[in-house]
Amino acid sequence: MPAPLIAVSASSKIWDGDERVRLHINYIRSLEAAGLIPVIVPPLRTPAAAEAIIASCAGLLLTGGEDVGPAQYGAAAHPAAGVPHGARDDTELALFHAARARSMPVLGICRGLQIANVALEGTLVQDIPSERPSAVRHDQPNARGERTHAVAVVPGTRLAGALGVTALRVNSYHHQSADRLGRELVVTATAPDGIIEAIETTNPDWWMVAVQWHPEDLTTEAQPWDRGLFAAFARVVRE
């Protein structure tokens, strides 16, 4: 059978005077290692095209990046919030809703978790250091693949099954996180300070798992759990 196509959300950025599509290569490498074919979806001028894109794919990967615009969840902007990318917000929300309508598997990473929560009417902590201060460093200054803090995973969840462990250390570079959970969602992992590190849907007929760390930057290490997340996504996509 041909390898399944996976829609992969991307950002855009002005570089050398032109707007260019932007996506870290490790997302692509991790999907390829799991036997999947990535189809990059940039911010669209017509988000309605998301339905046609999703119809041609078998899964959706929502990637990390900019802060989600607070207007998307009815909040005023925090002074520490970044400038939102409205076209990306609209495109990813449209992709998410189209995937959900088809019960298509969705894997969210970092911002992808936040988009999933907002899409299901949840809210976000806009700046962890000022709103939820603690000794845990969520926006690490060191290398992308270096593990920074511990995460506790809820046993019996889809995430625990994918990782094969309920305690691990993760890399971390974000200053926002899920706050009030959206509909049909449950917390499946937390940091030592209580920040939500993973969520998944309670719908037994829809696989949607999202994590706040960046497993795509950890899949070359000896530890198997982060590769396990992409492997679990690939399994359910093929089903």
Protein backbone atom coordinates (compact mmCIF):
# COMPACT_ATOMS: atom_id res chain seq x y z
CA MET A 1 0.00 0.00 0.00
CA PRO A 2 1.22 3.56 -0.70
CA ALA A 3 2.34 5.55 2.33
CA PRO A 4 -0.43 7.77 3.77
CA LEU A 5 -0.38 11.52 3.09
CA ILE A 6 -0.25 13.78 6.15
CA ALA A 7 -1.26 17.46 6.01
CA VAL A 8 1.40 19.44 7.91
CA SER A 9 0.66 23.01 8.94
CA ALA A 10 3.35 25.62 8.35
CA SER A 11 3.95 29.30 8.93
CA SER A 12 5.25 32.09 6.69
CA LYS A 13 7.80 34.83 7.23
CA ILE A 14 9.20 37.84 5.38
CA TRP A 15 12.76 36.97 4.37
CA ASP A 16 14.89 38.94 1.91
CA GLY A 17 11.87 41.06 1.11
CA ASP A 18 9.57 38.17 0.16
CA GLU A 19 7.07 36.11 2.13
CA ARG A 20 8.27 32.52 2.37
CA VAL A 21 6.81 29.34 3.83
CA ARG A 22 8.50 28.35 7.11
CA LEU A 23 8.64 24.92 8.77
CA HIS A 24 11.33 23.13 10.76
CA ILE A 25 12.69 20.15 8.82
CA ASN A 26 12.49 17.84 11.87
CA TYR A 27 8.71 17.56 11.50
CA ILE A 28 9.23 16.23 7.99
CA ARG A 29 12.02 13.86 9.00
CA SER A 30 9.97 12.44 11.89
CA LEU A 31 6.97 11.74 9.66
CA GLU A 32 9.16 10.14 7.00
CA ALA A 33 10.81 7.94 9.65
CA ALA A 34 7.33 6.75 10.63
CA GLY A 35 6.55 5.82 7.02
CA LEU A 36 4.32 8.81 6.28
CA ILE A 37 4.40 11.33 3.44
CA PRO A 38 4.19 15.00 4.53
CA VAL A 39 2.13 17.51 2.54
CA ILE A 40 3.03 21.02 3.68
CA VAL A 41 0.10 23.43 4.08
CA PRO A 42 1.11 27.10 4.34
CA PRO A 43 -1.16 29.87 5.64
CA LEU A 44 -3.90 30.15 3.02
CA ARG A 45 -5.68 33.20 1.66
CA THR A 46 -8.79 31.04 1.43
CA PRO A 47 -8.96 28.79 4.52
CA ALA A 48 -12.04 27.13 3.03
CA ALA A 49 -9.59 25.18 0.86
CA ALA A 50 -8.72 23.25 4.02
CA GLU A 51 -11.64 20.90 3.38
CA ALA A 52 -10.22 19.83 0.01
CA ILE A 53 -6.75 19.39 1.49
CA ILE A 54 -8.01 17.24 4.36
CA ALA A 55 -10.12 15.17 1.95
CA SER A 56 -6.93 14.15 0.14
CA CYS A 57 -4.98 13.20 3.29
CA ALA A 58 -5.13 10.54 6.00
CA GLY A 59 -3.96 12.60 8.98
CA LEU A 60 -3.15 16.10 10.21
CA LEU A 61 -0.03 17.34 12.05
CA LEU A 62 -0.38 20.77 13.68
CA THR A 63 3.09 22.20 14.28
CA GLY A 64 4.71 24.70 16.63
CA GLY A 65 5.26 28.39 16.04
CA GLU A 66 3.77 31.79 16.79
CA ASP A 67 1.34 32.68 19.57
CA VAL A 68 -2.29 32.00 18.71
CA GLY A 69 -4.17 35.29 18.35
CA PRO A 70 -6.10 35.93 21.60
CA ALA A 71 -9.11 37.16 19.63
CA GLN A 72 -9.58 33.52 18.57
CA TYR A 73 -10.62 32.69 22.14
CA GLY A 74 -12.22 35.99 23.11
CA ALA A 75 -9.36 37.49 25.12
CA ALA A 76 -7.53 40.80 25.08
CA ALA A 77 -3.83 40.60 24.21
CA HIS A 78 -1.39 40.25 27.10
CA PRO A 79 1.55 42.72 26.95
CA ALA A 80 3.97 39.78 26.58
CA ALA A 81 2.01 38.08 23.81
CA GLY A 82 3.60 37.87 20.38
CA VAL A 83 2.17 39.33 17.19
CA PRO A 84 -0.39 36.82 15.87
CA HIS A 85 -0.32 35.38 12.37
CA GLY A 86 -3.99 35.66 11.48
CA ALA A 87 -3.84 33.71 8.23
CA ARG A 88 -2.09 30.84 9.96
CA ASP A 89 -4.62 30.82 12.80
CA ASP A 90 -7.51 30.72 10.34
CA THR A 91 -5.91 28.02 8.21
CA GLU A 92 -5.06 25.73 11.10
CA LEU A 93 -8.47 26.11 12.71
CA ALA A 94 -10.09 25.25 9.38
CA LEU A 95 -7.81 22.22 8.96
CA PHE A 96 -8.62 21.06 12.50
CA HIS A 97 -12.39 21.35 12.05
CA ALA A 98 -12.25 19.59 8.69
CA ALA A 99 -10.24 16.74 10.22
CA ARG A 100 -12.56 16.50 13.20
CA ALA A 101 -15.61 16.28 10.91
CA ARG A 102 -14.02 13.23 9.28
CA SER A 103 -12.74 11.73 12.59
CA MET A 104 -9.29 11.98 11.02
CA PRO A 105 -6.29 11.40 13.32
CA VAL A 106 -4.68 14.64 14.52
CA LEU A 107 -1.31 15.08 16.22
CA GLY A 108 -0.62 18.50 17.75
CA ILE A 109 2.79 19.77 18.83
CA CYS A 110 3.32 22.87 21.01
CA ARG A 111 1.26 25.55 19.23
CA GLY A 112 -0.67 22.61 17.75
CA LEU A 113 -1.92 21.74 21.23
CA GLN A 114 -3.00 25.33 21.73
CA ILE A 115 -4.82 25.45 18.37
CA ALA A 116 -6.65 22.22 19.21
CA ASN A 117 -7.76 23.61 22.56
CA VAL A 118 -8.90 26.92 21.07
CA ALA A 119 -10.71 25.14 18.23
CA LEU A 120 -12.78 23.30 20.82
CA GLU A 121 -13.60 26.54 22.69
CA GLY A 122 -10.82 26.42 25.25
CA THR A 123 -8.56 29.30 26.32
CA LEU A 124 -4.82 29.87 26.75
CA VAL A 125 -2.39 31.15 29.34
CA GLN A 126 -0.84 33.95 27.28
CA ASP A 127 2.41 34.30 29.23
CA ILE A 128 3.46 31.60 31.68
CA PRO A 129 6.27 33.56 33.41
CA SER A 130 3.92 36.39 34.45
CA GLU A 131 0.63 34.48 34.83
CA ARG A 132 1.90 31.15 36.25
CA PRO A 133 5.39 31.89 37.65
CA SER A 134 7.41 28.91 38.89
CA ALA A 135 10.92 27.50 38.94
CA VAL A 136 10.21 25.34 35.87
CA ARG A 137 11.81 26.73 32.70
CA HIS A 138 9.28 26.29 29.89
CA ASP A 139 11.14 28.43 27.36
CA GLN A 140 14.56 26.83 27.48
CA PRO A 141 17.60 28.82 26.31
CA ASN A 142 19.60 25.72 25.40
CA ALA A 143 19.65 23.39 22.38
CA ARG A 144 16.35 22.24 20.88
CA GLY A 145 17.04 18.59 21.65
CA GLU A 146 18.09 19.06 25.27
CA ARG A 147 15.64 17.82 27.90
CA THR A 148 14.71 20.56 30.36
CA HIS A 149 12.01 19.42 32.77
CA ALA A 150 9.98 16.43 33.89
CA VAL A 151 6.50 15.49 32.68
CA ALA A 152 4.03 13.18 34.41
CA VAL A 153 1.70 11.27 32.06
CA VAL A 154 -1.72 9.98 33.11
CA PRO A 155 -1.72 6.15 32.95
CA GLY A 156 -4.22 4.48 30.64
CA THR A 157 -4.42 7.40 28.20
CA ARG A 158 -3.70 7.28 24.48
CA LEU A 159 -0.57 9.29 25.18
CA ALA A 160 0.69 6.82 27.79
CA GLY A 161 0.07 3.98 25.35
CA ALA A 162 1.98 5.78 22.61
CA LEU A 163 4.95 6.71 24.76
CA GLY A 164 5.13 3.49 26.76
CA VAL A 165 6.06 5.46 29.90
CA THR A 166 4.30 7.67 32.43
CA ALA A 167 7.32 9.74 33.47
CA LEU A 168 9.85 11.39 31.17
CA ARG A 169 11.92 14.50 30.66
CA VAL A 170 11.19 16.75 27.70
CA ASN A 171 12.56 19.71 25.79
CA SER A 172 10.49 22.87 26.11
CA TYR A 173 10.31 26.20 24.30
CA HIS A 174 6.99 27.93 24.75
CA HIS A 175 5.61 30.74 26.89
CA GLN A 176 1.91 29.96 26.37
CA SER A 177 -0.13 26.90 27.30
CA ALA A 178 -3.68 25.57 27.54
CA ASP A 179 -5.73 27.14 30.33
CA ARG A 180 -9.46 26.27 30.37
CA LEU A 181 -9.94 23.04 28.43
CA GLY A 182 -12.11 22.90 25.35
CA ARG A 183 -15.00 20.53 24.81
CA GLU A 184 -14.35 16.76 24.77
CA LEU A 185 -10.78 17.22 25.98
CA VAL A 186 -8.88 15.80 28.94
CA VAL A 187 -5.45 16.60 30.36
CA THR A 188 -3.08 13.69 29.87
CA ALA A 189 0.24 15.12 31.12
CA THR A 190 1.48 17.94 33.34
CA ALA A 191 4.76 19.61 34.29
CA PRO A 192 5.81 19.77 37.98
CA ASP A 193 4.29 23.27 38.24
CA GLY A 194 0.92 22.12 36.92
CA ILE A 195 1.24 23.53 33.40
CA ILE A 196 -0.67 21.35 30.94
CA GLU A 197 1.77 19.34 28.83
CA ALA A 198 -0.62 17.15 26.85
CA ILE A 199 -4.30 16.79 26.00
CA GLU A 200 -6.41 14.35 24.05
CA THR A 201 -10.00 13.91 23.03
CA THR A 202 -12.45 11.87 25.10
CA ASN A 203 -14.20 10.76 21.89
CA PRO A 204 -13.49 7.02 21.52
CA ASP A 205 -13.97 7.24 17.75
CA TRP A 206 -11.46 10.03 17.13
CA TRP A 207 -7.70 9.94 17.80
CA MET A 208 -6.52 13.44 18.69
CA VAL A 209 -3.39 13.71 20.84
CA ALA A 210 -1.42 16.90 21.41
CA VAL A 211 1.74 17.58 23.42
CA GLN A 212 3.36 20.83 24.51
CA TRP A 213 6.96 19.70 24.03
CA HIS A 214 8.76 19.01 20.73
CA PRO A 215 9.16 15.26 20.12
CA GLU A 216 10.23 15.92 16.51
CA ASP A 217 13.54 17.22 17.91
CA LEU A 218 14.06 14.13 20.10
CA THR A 219 13.47 11.26 17.69
CA THR A 220 17.17 10.61 17.00
CA GLU A 221 17.90 9.82 20.66
CA ALA A 222 18.16 6.35 22.15
CA GLN A 223 15.02 6.80 24.24
CA PRO A 224 12.08 5.28 22.35
CA TRP A 225 9.14 7.23 23.75
CA ASP A 226 9.15 10.23 21.44
CA ARG A 227 9.54 8.06 18.36
CA GLY A 228 6.64 6.12 19.85
CA LEU A 229 4.38 9.14 19.54
CA PHE A 230 4.95 9.38 15.78
CA ALA A 231 4.70 5.60 15.48
CA ALA A 232 1.32 5.61 17.24
CA PHE A 233 0.12 8.39 14.95
CA ALA A 234 1.25 6.36 11.92
CA ARG A 235 -0.55 3.24 13.18
CA VAL A 236 -3.87 4.96 13.68
CA VAL A 237 -3.56 6.77 10.33
CA ARG A 238 -3.13 3.41 8.58
CA GLU A 239 -6.18 2.02 10.35
